[in-house]
Amino acid sequence: MAAPRKVLRTHQVLELANLTKGTLYRFVRDNNFPQPIQLGPKLLGWFEDEVTAWLEARPRGLHSAEDAQRLRSVPRPTRVPA
């Protein structure tokens, strides 16, 4: 018999994925994140294995020297004295 899949609550997903609530729900709406399951009338959850797989599929770091150069060339905002 297979072990039951662990379900994460919203606050656990936010912490694990290092996302804001708004970003999480935008990703879900745009089908860029695993879809939640309804646990109650106002309670959502996500399967831990699906969230972990999503995280592992994310790109890591810079992909090329050109990416690094492009990021270095972006002008930084200047602070205006108050």
PDB file of N, CA and C in Angstrom:
ATOM      1  N   MET A   1       0.848  -1.181   0.000  1.00  0.00           N
ATOM      2  CA  MET A   1       0.000   0.000   0.000  1.00  0.00           C
ATOM      3  C   MET A   1       0.889   1.240   0.000  1.00  0.00           C
ATOM      4  N   ALA A   2       0.613   2.167  -0.892  1.00  0.00           N
ATOM      5  CA  ALA A   2       1.420   3.384  -1.017  1.00  0.00           C
ATOM      6  C   ALA A   2       1.144   4.326   0.152  1.00  0.00           C
ATOM      7  N   ALA A   3       2.166   5.041   0.539  1.00  0.00           N
ATOM      8  CA  ALA A   3       2.021   6.029   1.612  1.00  0.00           C
ATOM      9  C   ALA A   3       1.178   7.192   1.103  1.00  0.00           C
ATOM     10  N   PRO A   4       0.361   7.787   1.970  1.00  0.00           N
ATOM     11  CA  PRO A   4      -0.445   8.929   1.538  1.00  0.00           C
ATOM     12  C   PRO A   4       0.444  10.119   1.186  1.00  0.00           C
ATOM     13  N   ARG A   5      -0.011  10.900   0.214  1.00  0.00           N
ATOM     14  CA  ARG A   5       0.750  12.079  -0.190  1.00  0.00           C
ATOM     15  C   ARG A   5       0.564  13.182   0.848  1.00  0.00           C
ATOM     16  N   LYS A   6       1.657  13.850   1.181  1.00  0.00           N
ATOM     17  CA  LYS A   6       1.600  14.930   2.162  1.00  0.00           C
ATOM     18  C   LYS A   6       1.025  16.176   1.492  1.00  0.00           C
ATOM     19  N   VAL A   7       0.126  16.850   2.200  1.00  0.00           N
ATOM     20  CA  VAL A   7      -0.500  18.072   1.715  1.00  0.00           C
ATOM     21  C   VAL A   7       0.053  19.252   2.510  1.00  0.00           C
ATOM     22  N   LEU A   8       0.477  20.289   1.774  1.00  0.00           N
ATOM     23  CA  LEU A   8       0.988  21.504   2.401  1.00  0.00           C
ATOM     24  C   LEU A   8      -0.090  22.576   2.390  1.00  0.00           C
ATOM     25  N   ARG A   9      -0.170  23.320   3.468  1.00  0.00           N
ATOM     26  CA  ARG A   9      -1.075  24.466   3.542  1.00  0.00           C
ATOM     27  C   ARG A   9      -0.419  25.657   2.865  1.00  0.00           C
ATOM     28  N   THR A  10      -1.186  26.682   2.615  1.00  0.00           N
ATOM     29  CA  THR A  10      -0.700  27.848   1.876  1.00  0.00           C
ATOM     30  C   THR A  10       0.546  28.444   2.506  1.00  0.00           C
ATOM     31  N   HIS A  11       0.552  28.650   3.817  1.00  0.00           N
ATOM     32  CA  HIS A  11       1.713  29.274   4.459  1.00  0.00           C
ATOM     33  C   HIS A  11       2.967  28.412   4.305  1.00  0.00           C
ATOM     34  N   GLN A  12       2.801  27.093   4.273  1.00  0.00           N
ATOM     35  CA  GLN A  12       3.950  26.210   4.085  1.00  0.00           C
ATOM     36  C   GLN A  12       4.491  26.306   2.659  1.00  0.00           C
ATOM     37  N   VAL A  13       3.591  26.416   1.684  1.00  0.00           N
ATOM     38  CA  VAL A  13       4.000  26.557   0.280  1.00  0.00           C
ATOM     39  C   VAL A  13       4.728  27.881   0.088  1.00  0.00           C
ATOM     40  N   LEU A  14       4.198  28.954   0.677  1.00  0.00           N
ATOM     41  CA  LEU A  14       4.833  30.265   0.554  1.00  0.00           C
ATOM     42  C   LEU A  14       6.255  30.233   1.102  1.00  0.00           C
ATOM     43  N   GLU A  15       6.432  29.589   2.237  1.00  0.00           N
ATOM     44  CA  GLU A  15       7.762  29.502   2.847  1.00  0.00           C
ATOM     45  C   GLU A  15       8.692  28.612   2.028  1.00  0.00           C
ATOM     46  N   LEU A  16       8.209  27.467   1.608  1.00  0.00           N
ATOM     47  CA  LEU A  16       9.027  26.518   0.856  1.00  0.00           C
ATOM     48  C   LEU A  16       9.463  27.090  -0.490  1.00  0.00           C
ATOM     49  N   ALA A  17       8.544  27.736  -1.196  1.00  0.00           N
ATOM     50  CA  ALA A  17       8.830  28.263  -2.532  1.00  0.00           C
ATOM     51  C   ALA A  17       9.356  29.693  -2.502  1.00  0.00           C
ATOM     52  N   ASN A  18       9.360  30.306  -1.325  1.00  0.00           N
ATOM     53  CA  ASN A  18       9.826  31.682  -1.159  1.00  0.00           C
ATOM     54  C   ASN A  18       9.063  32.632  -2.091  1.00  0.00           C
ATOM     55  N   LEU A  19       7.740  32.522  -2.050  1.00  0.00           N
ATOM     56  CA  LEU A  19       6.862  33.351  -2.867  1.00  0.00           C
ATOM     57  C   LEU A  19       5.972  34.195  -1.969  1.00  0.00           C
ATOM     58  N   THR A  20       5.477  35.286  -2.523  1.00  0.00           N
ATOM     59  CA  THR A  20       4.434  36.036  -1.825  1.00  0.00           C
ATOM     60  C   THR A  20       3.099  35.393  -2.175  1.00  0.00           C
ATOM     61  N   LYS A  21       2.085  35.689  -1.397  1.00  0.00           N
ATOM     62  CA  LYS A  21       0.775  35.111  -1.657  1.00  0.00           C
ATOM     63  C   LYS A  21       0.249  35.553  -3.024  1.00  0.00           C
ATOM     64  N   GLY A  22       0.451  36.816  -3.361  1.00  0.00           N
ATOM     65  CA  GLY A  22      -0.003  37.313  -4.652  1.00  0.00           C
ATOM     66  C   GLY A  22       0.676  36.608  -5.818  1.00  0.00           C
ATOM     67  N   THR A  23       1.984  36.394  -5.700  1.00  0.00           N
ATOM     68  CA  THR A  23       2.719  35.704  -6.756  1.00  0.00           C
ATOM     69  C   THR A  23       2.260  34.258  -6.874  1.00  0.00           C
ATOM     70  N   LEU A  24       2.069  33.596  -5.734  1.00  0.00           N
ATOM     71  CA  LEU A  24       1.599  32.211  -5.750  1.00  0.00           C
ATOM     72  C   LEU A  24       0.283  32.098  -6.503  1.00  0.00           C
ATOM     73  N   TYR A  25      -0.692  32.936  -6.149  1.00  0.00           N
ATOM     74  CA  TYR A  25      -1.998  32.840  -6.787  1.00  0.00           C
ATOM     75  C   TYR A  25      -1.965  33.263  -8.255  1.00  0.00           C
ATOM     76  N   ARG A  26      -1.070  34.199  -8.615  1.00  0.00           N
ATOM     77  CA  ARG A  26      -0.909  34.559 -10.028  1.00  0.00           C
ATOM     78  C   ARG A  26      -0.339  33.385 -10.805  1.00  0.00           C
ATOM     79  N   PHE A  27       0.686  32.707 -10.237  1.00  0.00           N
ATOM     80  CA  PHE A  27       1.256  31.529 -10.884  1.00  0.00           C
ATOM     81  C   PHE A  27       0.203  30.438 -11.055  1.00  0.00           C
ATOM     82  N   VAL A  28      -0.621  30.217 -10.036  1.00  0.00           N
ATOM     83  CA  VAL A  28      -1.685  29.211 -10.117  1.00  0.00           C
ATOM     84  C   VAL A  28      -2.675  29.597 -11.212  1.00  0.00           C
ATOM     85  N   ARG A  29      -3.105  30.854 -11.221  1.00  0.00           N
ATOM     86  CA  ARG A  29      -4.065  31.331 -12.222  1.00  0.00           C
ATOM     87  C   ARG A  29      -3.532  31.146 -13.640  1.00  0.00           C
ATOM     88  N   ASP A  30      -2.223  31.397 -13.826  1.00  0.00           N
ATOM     89  CA  ASP A  30      -1.600  31.315 -15.151  1.00  0.00           C
ATOM     90  C   ASP A  30      -1.083  29.911 -15.475  1.00  0.00           C
ATOM     91  N   ASN A  31      -1.435  28.935 -14.645  1.00  0.00           N
ATOM     92  CA  ASN A  31      -0.991  27.538 -14.809  1.00  0.00           C
ATOM     93  C   ASN A  31       0.540  27.410 -14.842  1.00  0.00           C
ATOM     94  N   ASN A  32       1.217  28.229 -14.025  1.00  0.00           N
ATOM     95  CA  ASN A  32       2.668  28.157 -13.889  1.00  0.00           C
ATOM     96  C   ASN A  32       3.074  27.569 -12.544  1.00  0.00           C
ATOM     97  N   PHE A  33       2.138  26.959 -11.852  1.00  0.00           N
ATOM     98  CA  PHE A  33       2.377  26.351 -10.540  1.00  0.00           C
ATOM     99  C   PHE A  33       1.364  25.229 -10.392  1.00  0.00           C
ATOM    100  N   PRO A  34       1.686  24.199  -9.613  1.00  0.00           N
ATOM    101  CA  PRO A  34       0.702  23.118  -9.422  1.00  0.00           C
ATOM    102  C   PRO A  34      -0.634  23.661  -8.897  1.00  0.00           C
ATOM    103  N   GLN A  35      -1.698  23.075  -9.354  1.00  0.00           N
ATOM    104  CA  GLN A  35      -3.031  23.497  -8.930  1.00  0.00           C
ATOM    105  C   GLN A  35      -3.304  23.012  -7.506  1.00  0.00           C
ATOM    106  N   PRO A  36      -3.961  23.850  -6.696  1.00  0.00           N
ATOM    107  CA  PRO A  36      -4.268  23.442  -5.322  1.00  0.00           C
ATOM    108  C   PRO A  36      -5.435  22.467  -5.284  1.00  0.00           C
ATOM    109  N   ILE A  37      -5.586  21.838  -4.140  1.00  0.00           N
ATOM    110  CA  ILE A  37      -6.753  20.999  -3.891  1.00  0.00           C
ATOM    111  C   ILE A  37      -7.594  21.687  -2.822  1.00  0.00           C
ATOM    112  N   GLN A  38      -8.882  21.532  -2.917  1.00  0.00           N
ATOM    113  CA  GLN A  38      -9.801  22.146  -1.958  1.00  0.00           C
ATOM    114  C   GLN A  38      -9.892  21.255  -0.728  1.00  0.00           C
ATOM    115  N   LEU A  39      -9.490  21.801   0.432  1.00  0.00           N
ATOM    116  CA  LEU A  39      -9.539  21.045   1.680  1.00  0.00           C
ATOM    117  C   LEU A  39     -10.771  21.394   2.502  1.00  0.00           C
ATOM    118  N   GLY A  40     -11.338  22.525   2.239  1.00  0.00           N
ATOM    119  CA  GLY A  40     -12.522  22.989   2.954  1.00  0.00           C
ATOM    120  C   GLY A  40     -13.095  24.175   2.207  1.00  0.00           C
ATOM    121  N   PRO A  41     -14.162  24.789   2.726  1.00  0.00           N
ATOM    122  CA  PRO A  41     -14.801  25.900   2.024  1.00  0.00           C
ATOM    123  C   PRO A  41     -13.836  27.044   1.685  1.00  0.00           C
ATOM    124  N   LYS A  42     -12.897  27.340   2.587  1.00  0.00           N
ATOM    125  CA  LYS A  42     -11.942  28.425   2.362  1.00  0.00           C
ATOM    126  C   LYS A  42     -10.512  27.955   2.608  1.00  0.00           C
ATOM    127  N   LEU A  43     -10.258  26.680   2.387  1.00  0.00           N
ATOM    128  CA  LEU A  43      -8.963  26.111   2.718  1.00  0.00           C
ATOM    129  C   LEU A  43      -8.393  25.356   1.525  1.00  0.00           C
ATOM    130  N   LEU A  44      -7.198  25.772   1.101  1.00  0.00           N
ATOM    131  CA  LEU A  44      -6.516  25.125  -0.011  1.00  0.00           C
ATOM    132  C   LEU A  44      -5.266  24.412   0.475  1.00  0.00           C
ATOM    133  N   GLY A  45      -4.844  23.430  -0.301  1.00  0.00           N
ATOM    134  CA  GLY A  45      -3.602  22.730  -0.015  1.00  0.00           C
ATOM    135  C   GLY A  45      -2.943  22.323  -1.318  1.00  0.00           C
ATOM    136  N   TRP A  46      -1.663  22.006  -1.233  1.00  0.00           N
ATOM    137  CA  TRP A  46      -0.906  21.561  -2.395  1.00  0.00           C
ATOM    138  C   TRP A  46      -0.179  20.279  -2.019  1.00  0.00           C
ATOM    139  N   PHE A  47      -0.085  19.360  -2.966  1.00  0.00           N
ATOM    140  CA  PHE A  47       0.675  18.146  -2.721  1.00  0.00           C
ATOM    141  C   PHE A  47       2.154  18.505  -2.681  1.00  0.00           C
ATOM    142  N   GLU A  48       2.817  18.083  -1.617  1.00  0.00           N
ATOM    143  CA  GLU A  48       4.229  18.426  -1.406  1.00  0.00           C
ATOM    144  C   GLU A  48       5.096  17.951  -2.572  1.00  0.00           C
ATOM    145  N   ASP A  49       4.832  16.752  -3.082  1.00  0.00           N
ATOM    146  CA  ASP A  49       5.668  16.235  -4.162  1.00  0.00           C
ATOM    147  C   ASP A  49       5.537  17.071  -5.428  1.00  0.00           C
ATOM    148  N   GLU A  50       4.362  17.646  -5.685  1.00  0.00           N
ATOM    149  CA  GLU A  50       4.174  18.490  -6.862  1.00  0.00           C
ATOM    150  C   GLU A  50       4.905  19.824  -6.703  1.00  0.00           C
ATOM    151  N   VAL A  51       4.854  20.397  -5.500  1.00  0.00           N
ATOM    152  CA  VAL A  51       5.559  21.656  -5.241  1.00  0.00           C
ATOM    153  C   VAL A  51       7.061  21.428  -5.339  1.00  0.00           C
ATOM    154  N   THR A  52       7.547  20.342  -4.771  1.00  0.00           N
ATOM    155  CA  THR A  52       8.973  20.022  -4.824  1.00  0.00           C
ATOM    156  C   THR A  52       9.426  19.816  -6.269  1.00  0.00           C
ATOM    157  N   ALA A  53       8.633  19.121  -7.066  1.00  0.00           N
ATOM    158  CA  ALA A  53       8.972  18.904  -8.478  1.00  0.00           C
ATOM    159  C   ALA A  53       9.006  20.238  -9.219  1.00  0.00           C
ATOM    160  N   TRP A  54       8.081  21.137  -8.909  1.00  0.00           N
ATOM    161  CA  TRP A  54       8.071  22.461  -9.540  1.00  0.00           C
ATOM    162  C   TRP A  54       9.348  23.215  -9.203  1.00  0.00           C
ATOM    163  N   LEU A  55       9.735  23.179  -7.917  1.00  0.00           N
ATOM    164  CA  LEU A  55      10.960  23.863  -7.496  1.00  0.00           C
ATOM    165  C   LEU A  55      12.190  23.286  -8.192  1.00  0.00           C
ATOM    166  N   GLU A  56      12.260  21.973  -8.285  1.00  0.00           N
ATOM    167  CA  GLU A  56      13.417  21.325  -8.901  1.00  0.00           C
ATOM    168  C   GLU A  56      13.499  21.605 -10.398  1.00  0.00           C
ATOM    169  N   ALA A  57      12.374  21.915 -11.026  1.00  0.00           N
ATOM    170  CA  ALA A  57      12.356  22.199 -12.464  1.00  0.00           C
ATOM    171  C   ALA A  57      12.707  23.655 -12.773  1.00  0.00           C
ATOM    172  N   ARG A  58      12.802  24.511 -11.742  1.00  0.00           N
ATOM    173  CA  ARG A  58      13.104  25.923 -11.953  1.00  0.00           C
ATOM    174  C   ARG A  58      14.554  26.091 -12.390  1.00  0.00           C
ATOM    175  N   PRO A  59      14.827  27.076 -13.267  1.00  0.00           N
ATOM    176  CA  PRO A  59      16.213  27.341 -13.664  1.00  0.00           C
ATOM    177  C   PRO A  59      17.034  27.771 -12.451  1.00  0.00           C
ATOM    178  N   ARG A  60      18.309  27.431 -12.478  1.00  0.00           N
ATOM    179  CA  ARG A  60      19.204  27.792 -11.378  1.00  0.00           C
ATOM    180  C   ARG A  60      20.253  28.767 -11.875  1.00  0.00           C
ATOM    181  N   GLY A  61      20.369  29.887 -11.201  1.00  0.00           N
ATOM    182  CA  GLY A  61      21.433  30.835 -11.495  1.00  0.00           C
ATOM    183  C   GLY A  61      21.349  31.436 -12.884  1.00  0.00           C
ATOM    184  N   LEU A  62      22.457  32.033 -13.281  1.00  0.00           N
ATOM    185  CA  LEU A  62      22.547  32.644 -14.598  1.00  0.00           C
ATOM    186  C   LEU A  62      22.861  31.576 -15.615  1.00  0.00           C
ATOM    187  N   HIS A  63      22.335  31.712 -16.794  1.00  0.00           N
ATOM    188  CA  HIS A  63      22.502  30.699 -17.828  1.00  0.00           C
ATOM    189  C   HIS A  63      23.704  30.939 -18.721  1.00  0.00           C
ATOM    190  N   SER A  64      24.171  32.183 -18.772  1.00  0.00           N
ATOM    191  CA  SER A  64      25.294  32.454 -19.660  1.00  0.00           C
ATOM    192  C   SER A  64      26.020  33.705 -19.207  1.00  0.00           C
ATOM    193  N   ALA A  65      27.213  33.910 -19.768  1.00  0.00           N
ATOM    194  CA  ALA A  65      27.965  35.125 -19.488  1.00  0.00           C
ATOM    195  C   ALA A  65      27.199  36.346 -19.990  1.00  0.00           C
ATOM    196  N   GLU A  66      26.438  36.168 -21.086  1.00  0.00           N
ATOM    197  CA  GLU A  66      25.652  37.278 -21.609  1.00  0.00           C
ATOM    198  C   GLU A  66      24.576  37.701 -20.610  1.00  0.00           C
ATOM    199  N   ASP A  67      23.957  36.731 -19.942  1.00  0.00           N
ATOM    200  CA  ASP A  67      22.961  37.054 -18.919  1.00  0.00           C
ATOM    201  C   ASP A  67      23.603  37.865 -17.796  1.00  0.00           C
ATOM    202  N   ALA A  68      24.766  37.435 -17.347  1.00  0.00           N
ATOM    203  CA  ALA A  68      25.465  38.135 -16.270  1.00  0.00           C
ATOM    204  C   ALA A  68      25.814  39.555 -16.699  1.00  0.00           C
ATOM    205  N   GLN A  69      26.323  39.725 -17.920  1.00  0.00           N
ATOM    206  CA  GLN A  69      26.678  41.050 -18.430  1.00  0.00           C
ATOM    207  C   GLN A  69      25.438  41.935 -18.543  1.00  0.00           C
ATOM    208  N   ARG A  70      24.338  41.366 -19.021  1.00  0.00           N
ATOM    209  CA  ARG A  70      23.107  42.130 -19.160  1.00  0.00           C
ATOM    210  C   ARG A  70      22.633  42.633 -17.801  1.00  0.00           C
ATOM    211  N   LEU A  71      22.716  41.786 -16.772  1.00  0.00           N
ATOM    212  CA  LEU A  71      22.286  42.200 -15.440  1.00  0.00           C
ATOM    213  C   LEU A  71      23.198  43.273 -14.869  1.00  0.00           C
ATOM    214  N   ARG A  72      24.506  43.180 -15.142  1.00  0.00           N
ATOM    215  CA  ARG A  72      25.444  44.186 -14.635  1.00  0.00           C
ATOM    216  C   ARG A  72      25.241  45.525 -15.324  1.00  0.00           C
ATOM    217  N   SER A  73      24.746  45.521 -16.553  1.00  0.00           N
ATOM    218  CA  SER A  73      24.603  46.761 -17.308  1.00  0.00           C
ATOM    219  C   SER A  73      23.292  47.493 -17.015  1.00  0.00           C
ATOM    220  N   VAL A  74      22.408  46.895 -16.251  1.00  0.00           N
ATOM    221  CA  VAL A  74      21.141  47.554 -15.912  1.00  0.00           C
ATOM    222  C   VAL A  74      21.452  48.683 -14.935  1.00  0.00           C
ATOM    223  N   PRO A  75      21.054  49.915 -15.270  1.00  0.00           N
ATOM    224  CA  PRO A  75      21.359  51.025 -14.366  1.00  0.00           C
ATOM    225  C   PRO A  75      20.619  50.878 -13.042  1.00  0.00           C
ATOM    226  N   ARG A  76      21.323  51.199 -11.988  1.00  0.00           N
ATOM    227  CA  ARG A  76      20.706  51.157 -10.653  1.00  0.00           C
ATOM    228  C   ARG A  76      19.969  52.458 -10.412  1.00  0.00           C
ATOM    229  N   PRO A  77      18.858  52.400  -9.700  1.00  0.00           N
ATOM    230  CA  PRO A  77      18.135  53.629  -9.418  1.00  0.00           C
ATOM    231  C   PRO A  77      18.971  54.521  -8.484  1.00  0.00           C
ATOM    232  N   THR A  78      18.888  55.820  -8.701  1.00  0.00           N
ATOM    233  CA  THR A  78      19.604  56.747  -7.835  1.00  0.00           C
ATOM    234  C   THR A  78      18.672  57.212  -6.744  1.00  0.00           C
ATOM    235  N   ARG A  79      19.247  57.408  -5.577  1.00  0.00           N
ATOM    236  CA  ARG A  79      18.436  57.879  -4.462  1.00  0.00           C
ATOM    237  C   ARG A  79      18.377  59.392  -4.493  1.00  0.00           C
ATOM    238  N   VAL A  80      17.211  59.888  -4.281  1.00  0.00           N
ATOM    239  CA  VAL A  80      17.015  61.335  -4.225  1.00  0.00           C
ATOM    240  C   VAL A  80      16.969  61.723  -2.752  1.00  0.00           C
ATOM    241  N   PRO A  81      17.825  62.665  -2.338  1.00  0.00           N
ATOM    242  CA  PRO A  81      17.801  63.065  -0.921  1.00  0.00           C
ATOM    243  C   PRO A  81      16.437  63.629  -0.530  1.00  0.00           C
ATOM    244  N   ALA A  82      16.023  63.308   0.665  1.00  0.00           N
ATOM    245  CA  ALA A  82      14.704  63.770   1.130  1.00  0.00           C
ATOM    246  C   ALA A  82      14.757  65.205   1.569  1.00  0.00           C
TER     247      ALA A  82
END
